[in-house]
C-alpha atoms as a PDB file:
ATOM      1  CA  MET A   1      -0.175  -0.133  -0.017  1.00  0.00           C
ATOM      2  CA  SER A   2       1.493   3.372  -1.512  1.00  0.00           C
ATOM      3  CA  ASP A   3       0.936   6.851   1.034  1.00  0.00           C
ATOM      4  CA  ASP A   4      -1.240   7.874  -1.881  1.00  0.00           C
ATOM      5  CA  ASP A   5      -4.010   5.091  -1.253  1.00  0.00           C
ATOM      6  CA  PRO A   6      -5.510   6.181   1.916  1.00  0.00           C
ATOM      7  CA  ASP A   7      -5.792   9.943   0.462  1.00  0.00           C
ATOM      8  CA  LEU A   8      -7.407   8.269  -3.024  1.00  0.00           C
ATOM      9  CA  PHE A   9      -9.846   6.429  -0.916  1.00  0.00           C
ATOM     10  CA  ARG A  10     -10.996   9.423   1.206  1.00  0.00           C
ATOM     11  CA  ARG A  11     -11.653  11.457  -1.911  1.00  0.00           C
ATOM     12  CA  SER A  12     -13.575   8.712  -3.727  1.00  0.00           C
ATOM     13  CA  ILE A  13     -16.023   8.433  -0.845  1.00  0.00           C
ATOM     14  CA  GLU A  14     -15.990  12.674  -0.312  1.00  0.00           C
ATOM     15  CA  GLY A  15     -20.021  12.870  -1.010  1.00  0.00           C
ATOM     16  CA  ALA A  16     -21.010   9.184   0.477  1.00  0.00           C
ATOM     17  CA  LYS A  17     -23.624   9.540   3.280  1.00  0.00           C
ATOM     18  CA  PRO A  18     -23.966   6.836   5.801  1.00  0.00           C
ATOM     19  CA  LEU A  19     -27.366   4.977   5.695  1.00  0.00           C
ATOM     20  CA  ARG A  20     -30.032   4.785   8.038  1.00  0.00           C
ATOM     21  CA  THR A  21     -30.683   1.844   9.966  1.00  0.00           C
ATOM     22  CA  ASP A  22     -34.451   1.843   8.168  1.00  0.00           C
ATOM     23  CA  ASP A  23     -32.428   2.083   5.071  1.00  0.00           C
ATOM     24  CA  ARG A  24     -31.127  -1.248   5.343  1.00  0.00           C
ATOM     25  CA  VAL A  25     -30.833  -3.520   2.421  1.00  0.00           C
ATOM     26  CA  PRO A  26     -33.073  -6.630   3.801  1.00  0.00           C
ATOM     27  CA  GLU A  27     -31.116  -9.962   4.421  1.00  0.00           C
ATOM     28  CA  LEU A  28     -30.946 -12.342   2.328  1.00  0.00           C
ATOM     29  CA  ARG A  29     -32.854 -15.307   3.407  1.00  0.00           C
ATOM     30  CA  LYS A  30     -30.633 -18.675   2.807  1.00  0.00           C
ATOM     31  CA  LYS A  31     -32.338 -21.141   0.636  1.00  0.00           C
ATOM     32  CA  PRO A  32     -33.765 -24.049   2.335  1.00  0.00           C
ATOM     33  CA  LEU A  33     -31.773 -27.071   1.797  1.00  0.00           C
ATOM     34  CA  PRO A  34     -33.221 -29.939  -0.499  1.00  0.00           C
ATOM     35  CA  ARG A  35     -35.410 -32.540   1.059  1.00  0.00           C
ATOM     36  CA  ALA A  36     -36.092 -35.728  -0.472  1.00  0.00           C
ATOM     37  CA  ARG A  37     -39.750 -36.639  -0.799  1.00  0.00           C
ATOM     38  CA  PHE A  38     -39.298 -39.608   1.100  1.00  0.00           C
ATOM     39  CA  SER A  39     -38.072 -40.418   4.250  1.00  0.00           C
ATOM     40  CA  ARG A  40     -35.985 -43.138   5.323  1.00  0.00           C
ATOM     41  CA  ALA A  41     -38.948 -44.820   6.888  1.00  0.00           C
ATOM     42  CA  ASP A  42     -40.671 -44.524   3.301  1.00  0.00           C
ATOM     43  CA  GLU A  43     -37.706 -46.047   1.935  1.00  0.00           C
ATOM     44  CA  ASP A  44     -37.074 -49.027   4.420  1.00  0.00           C
ATOM     45  CA  ASN A  45     -40.788 -49.758   4.156  1.00  0.00           C
ATOM     46  CA  ALA A  46     -40.668 -50.189   0.665  1.00  0.00           C
ATOM     47  CA  LEU A  47     -37.888 -52.025   0.356  1.00  0.00           C
ATOM     48  CA  ALA A  48     -39.004 -54.430   2.839  1.00  0.00           C
ATOM     49  CA  GLU A  49     -42.836 -54.914   0.565  1.00  0.00           C
ATOM     50  CA  SER A  50     -40.649 -55.808  -2.186  1.00  0.00           C
ATOM     51  CA  LEU A  51     -38.666 -58.431  -0.345  1.00  0.00           C
ATOM     52  CA  GLU A  52     -41.947 -59.626   0.995  1.00  0.00           C
ATOM     53  CA  ALA A  53     -43.754 -59.829  -2.099  1.00  0.00           C
ATOM     54  CA  ASP A  54     -44.502 -63.115  -3.595  1.00  0.00           C
ATOM     55  CA  ILE A  55     -42.705 -63.215  -6.925  1.00  0.00           C
ATOM     56  CA  ASP A  56     -45.624 -66.071  -8.227  1.00  0.00           C
ATOM     57  CA  THR A  57     -48.088 -63.741  -7.966  1.00  0.00           C
ATOM     58  CA  MET A  58     -46.446 -60.911  -9.801  1.00  0.00           C
ATOM     59  CA  GLU A  59     -45.110 -62.986 -12.363  1.00  0.00           C
ATOM     60  CA  SER A  60     -48.842 -64.770 -12.572  1.00  0.00           C
ATOM     61  CA  ALA A  61     -50.495 -61.297 -13.297  1.00  0.00           C
ATOM     62  CA  ASN A  62     -47.754 -60.909 -16.194  1.00  0.00           C
ATOM     63  CA  ALA A  63     -49.539 -61.169 -19.732  1.00  0.00           C
ATOM     64  CA  GLU A  64     -47.125 -63.937 -20.257  1.00  0.00           C
ATOM     65  CA  SER A  65     -48.360 -66.499 -17.614  1.00  0.00           C
ATOM     66  CA  MET A  66     -51.148 -69.450 -18.760  1.00  0.00           C
ATOM     67  CA  ARG A  67     -54.746 -69.441 -17.341  1.00  0.00           C
ATOM     68  CA  TYR A  68     -57.302 -72.183 -18.182  1.00  0.00           C
ATOM     69  CA  HIS A  69     -60.142 -74.371 -16.589  1.00  0.00           C
ATOM     70  CA  ARG A  70     -63.292 -76.425 -17.512  1.00  0.00           C
ATOM     71  CA  PRO A  71     -66.576 -74.500 -16.630  1.00  0.00           C
ATOM     72  CA  HIS A  72     -67.264 -77.124 -13.690  1.00  0.00           C
ATOM     73  CA  VAL A  73     -63.509 -76.530 -11.756  1.00  0.00           C
ATOM     74  CA  GLY A  74     -64.101 -74.149  -9.444  1.00  0.00           C
ATOM     75  CA  LYS A  75     -62.267 -71.522  -8.085  1.00  0.00           C
ATOM     76  CA  ARG A  76     -60.818 -73.101  -4.815  1.00  0.00           C
ATOM     77  CA  THR A  77     -59.364 -76.120  -7.613  1.00  0.00           C
ATOM     78  CA  MET A  78     -57.639 -73.258  -9.467  1.00  0.00           C
ATOM     79  CA  ARG A  79     -56.025 -71.698  -6.545  1.00  0.00           C
ATOM     80  CA  ARG A  80     -54.365 -74.921  -5.108  1.00  0.00           C
ATOM     81  CA  LEU A  81     -53.357 -75.613  -8.594  1.00  0.00           C
ATOM     82  CA  ALA A  82     -51.889 -72.185  -9.250  1.00  0.00           C
ATOM     83  CA  ARG A  83     -50.142 -72.456  -5.502  1.00  0.00           C
ATOM     84  CA  GLY A  84     -48.366 -75.349  -6.275  1.00  0.00           C
ATOM     85  CA  LYS A  85     -50.755 -77.637  -3.605  1.00  0.00           C
ATOM     86  CA  TYR A  86     -51.023 -80.787  -5.588  1.00  0.00           C
ATOM     87  CA  ALA A  87     -48.493 -83.073  -6.133  1.00  0.00           C
ATOM     88  CA  VAL A  88     -47.032 -82.944  -9.314  1.00  0.00           C
ATOM     89  CA  GLN A  89     -47.108 -87.199 -10.088  1.00  0.00           C
ATOM     90  CA  ALA A  90     -45.379 -86.902 -13.760  1.00  0.00           C
ATOM     91  CA  GLU A  91     -43.252 -84.382 -16.149  1.00  0.00           C
ATOM     92  CA  ILE A  92     -42.344 -83.906 -19.623  1.00  0.00           C
ATOM     93  CA  ASP A  93     -39.722 -81.306 -20.655  1.00  0.00           C
ATOM     94  CA  LEU A  94     -40.250 -80.348 -23.982  1.00  0.00           C
ATOM     95  CA  HIS A  95     -38.421 -76.906 -24.175  1.00  0.00           C
ATOM     96  CA  GLY A  96     -35.957 -76.803 -27.041  1.00  0.00           C
ATOM     97  CA  MET A  97     -38.208 -79.127 -29.079  1.00  0.00           C
ATOM     98  CA  THR A  98     -39.917 -77.976 -32.720  1.00  0.00           C
ATOM     99  CA  VAL A  99     -43.691 -77.683 -32.391  1.00  0.00           C
ATOM    100  CA  ALA A 100     -43.959 -80.785 -34.847  1.00  0.00           C
ATOM    101  CA  GLU A 101     -41.777 -82.909 -32.234  1.00  0.00           C
ATOM    102  CA  ALA A 102     -43.568 -82.093 -28.957  1.00  0.00           C
ATOM    103  CA  ARG A 103     -46.746 -82.798 -29.911  1.00  0.00           C
ATOM    104  CA  PRO A 104     -46.755 -86.194 -30.296  1.00  0.00           C
ATOM    105  CA  ARG A 105     -44.774 -86.811 -27.301  1.00  0.00           C
ATOM    106  CA  LEU A 106     -47.372 -84.471 -25.191  1.00  0.00           C
ATOM    107  CA  ALA A 107     -49.711 -86.401 -26.629  1.00  0.00           C
ATOM    108  CA  ASP A 108     -48.597 -89.535 -25.945  1.00  0.00           C
ATOM    109  CA  PHE A 109     -47.447 -88.240 -22.279  1.00  0.00           C
ATOM    110  CA  ILE A 110     -51.338 -86.911 -21.749  1.00  0.00           C
ATOM    111  CA  ASP A 111     -52.625 -90.592 -22.362  1.00  0.00           C
ATOM    112  CA  TYR A 112     -49.985 -91.775 -20.626  1.00  0.00           C
ATOM    113  CA  SER A 113     -51.092 -90.175 -17.249  1.00  0.00           C
ATOM    114  CA  VAL A 114     -54.702 -90.046 -17.652  1.00  0.00           C
ATOM    115  CA  LYS A 115     -53.773 -94.331 -18.039  1.00  0.00           C
ATOM    116  CA  GLN A 116     -52.027 -94.183 -14.961  1.00  0.00           C
ATOM    117  CA  GLY A 117     -54.673 -92.849 -12.927  1.00  0.00           C
ATOM    118  CA  LEU A 118     -52.755 -89.236 -12.624  1.00  0.00           C
ATOM    119  CA  THR A 119     -54.134 -86.349 -10.865  1.00  0.00           C
ATOM    120  CA  CYS A 120     -51.555 -83.158 -11.569  1.00  0.00           C
ATOM    121  CA  VAL A 121     -48.680 -83.224 -13.743  1.00  0.00           C
ATOM    122  CA  ARG A 122     -46.373 -80.555 -15.308  1.00  0.00           C
ATOM    123  CA  ILE A 123     -45.269 -79.854 -18.680  1.00  0.00           C
ATOM    124  CA  VAL A 124     -41.841 -77.562 -19.084  1.00  0.00           C
ATOM    125  CA  HIS A 125     -42.471 -75.826 -22.228  1.00  0.00           C
ATOM    126  CA  GLY A 126     -39.842 -73.182 -21.885  1.00  0.00           C
ATOM    127  CA  LYS A 127     -40.341 -69.231 -22.363  1.00  0.00           C
ATOM    128  CA  GLY A 128     -39.948 -69.021 -25.807  1.00  0.00           C
ATOM    129  CA  LEU A 129     -36.849 -66.432 -25.658  1.00  0.00           C
ATOM    130  CA  GLY A 130     -35.065 -68.444 -27.969  1.00  0.00           C
ATOM    131  CA  SER A 131     -37.895 -67.699 -30.460  1.00  0.00           C
ATOM    132  CA  GLY A 132     -36.896 -64.095 -30.738  1.00  0.00           C
ATOM    133  CA  HIS A 133     -39.555 -61.583 -32.505  1.00  0.00           C
ATOM    134  CA  ARG A 134     -42.060 -64.951 -33.244  1.00  0.00           C
ATOM    135  CA  GLY A 135     -42.604 -64.661 -29.520  1.00  0.00           C
ATOM    136  CA  PRO A 136     -43.005 -68.049 -27.438  1.00  0.00           C
ATOM    137  CA  VAL A 137     -43.795 -70.355 -30.637  1.00  0.00           C
ATOM    138  CA  LEU A 138     -43.827 -73.626 -28.351  1.00  0.00           C
ATOM    139  CA  LYS A 139     -45.658 -71.973 -25.328  1.00  0.00           C
ATOM    140  CA  SER A 140     -48.768 -70.954 -27.516  1.00  0.00           C
ATOM    141  CA  ALA A 141     -48.950 -74.491 -29.035  1.00  0.00           C
ATOM    142  CA  VAL A 142     -48.935 -75.876 -25.787  1.00  0.00           C
ATOM    143  CA  ASN A 143     -51.771 -73.926 -24.828  1.00  0.00           C
ATOM    144  CA  ARG A 144     -53.886 -74.731 -27.642  1.00  0.00           C
ATOM    145  CA  TRP A 145     -53.527 -78.224 -27.560  1.00  0.00           C
ATOM    146  CA  LEU A 146     -54.049 -78.427 -23.576  1.00  0.00           C
ATOM    147  CA  ARG A 147     -57.666 -76.749 -24.118  1.00  0.00           C
ATOM    148  CA  LYS A 148     -58.524 -79.342 -26.836  1.00  0.00           C
ATOM    149  CA  TRP A 149     -58.274 -82.233 -25.009  1.00  0.00           C
ATOM    150  CA  ASP A 150     -61.363 -83.647 -22.686  1.00  0.00           C
ATOM    151  CA  ALA A 151     -58.850 -85.284 -20.251  1.00  0.00           C
ATOM    152  CA  VAL A 152     -57.318 -81.738 -19.198  1.00  0.00           C
ATOM    153  CA  LEU A 153     -59.418 -80.041 -16.669  1.00  0.00           C
ATOM    154  CA  ALA A 154     -57.423 -77.376 -16.119  1.00  0.00           C
ATOM    155  CA  PHE A 155     -54.058 -75.663 -16.428  1.00  0.00           C
ATOM    156  CA  VAL A 156     -52.149 -72.878 -14.977  1.00  0.00           C
ATOM    157  CA  SER A 157     -48.501 -71.310 -15.074  1.00  0.00           C
ATOM    158  CA  ALA A 158     -46.357 -73.073 -12.292  1.00  0.00           C
ATOM    159  CA  ARG A 159     -44.776 -71.303  -9.529  1.00  0.00           C
ATOM    160  CA  GLN A 160     -41.724 -69.796  -9.975  1.00  0.00           C
ATOM    161  CA  VAL A 161     -39.485 -72.554  -8.126  1.00  0.00           C
ATOM    162  CA  ASP A 162     -41.390 -74.952 -10.480  1.00  0.00           C
ATOM    163  CA  GLY A 163     -40.510 -73.024 -13.722  1.00  0.00           C
ATOM    164  CA  GLY A 164     -42.630 -70.190 -13.701  1.00  0.00           C
ATOM    165  CA  THR A 165     -44.048 -68.932 -17.330  1.00  0.00           C
ATOM    166  CA  GLY A 166     -42.068 -71.749 -18.746  1.00  0.00           C
ATOM    167  CA  ALA A 167     -43.840 -74.448 -17.368  1.00  0.00           C
ATOM    168  CA  VAL A 168     -47.637 -75.497 -16.428  1.00  0.00           C
ATOM    169  CA  TYR A 169     -49.808 -77.520 -13.787  1.00  0.00           C
ATOM    170  CA  VAL A 170     -51.944 -79.397 -15.552  1.00  0.00           C
ATOM    171  CA  LEU A 171     -54.905 -80.922 -13.536  1.00  0.00           C
ATOM    172  CA  LEU A 172     -56.057 -84.318 -15.437  1.00  0.00           C
ATOM    173  CA  ASP A 173     -59.719 -85.913 -15.236  1.00  0.00           C
ATOM    174  CA  ARG A 174     -59.893 -88.631 -13.044  1.00  0.00           C
ATOM    175  CA  GLY A 175     -63.618 -88.901 -13.521  1.00  0.00           C
ATOM    176  CA  ASP A 176     -64.253 -88.240  -9.885  1.00  0.00           C
ATOM    177  CA  PHE A 177     -64.262 -84.381 -10.504  1.00  0.00           C
END
């Protein structure tokens, strides 16, 4: 700082008047801090709810799930079938087969199962992930075929642990339903 600086400052403020207390510039308020819409408790509740959700219920709500029953098969029977409450007595795995290969094998399997007096069987048809833009070809075919056979009373997509939407539980007619 040179000796001229204080003189320069005094000359520059020469005509200035002091502010009165009521002429003060209002203090600027600080912006409030952003707050999350959900509290930590809400986040914890959402996490707990997602962990408790039943994957089978979520998947059955999906348009990819299959469900069919004849008019005389009740809601209670369908609910038990969907929950996997019937013991699966036999199973056939069709996924990876062509439609031409799968139809006769499935027909033989259904006929054999009915002759053996089986009540519930599982058919694994796959989810059609390898079918590309065509969608699940074998799955759609199995859906059509099962509806046509008189021995099939009902079917529903399996629980996740049994193949989910890549398999169905099939309830067969034993003559006592």
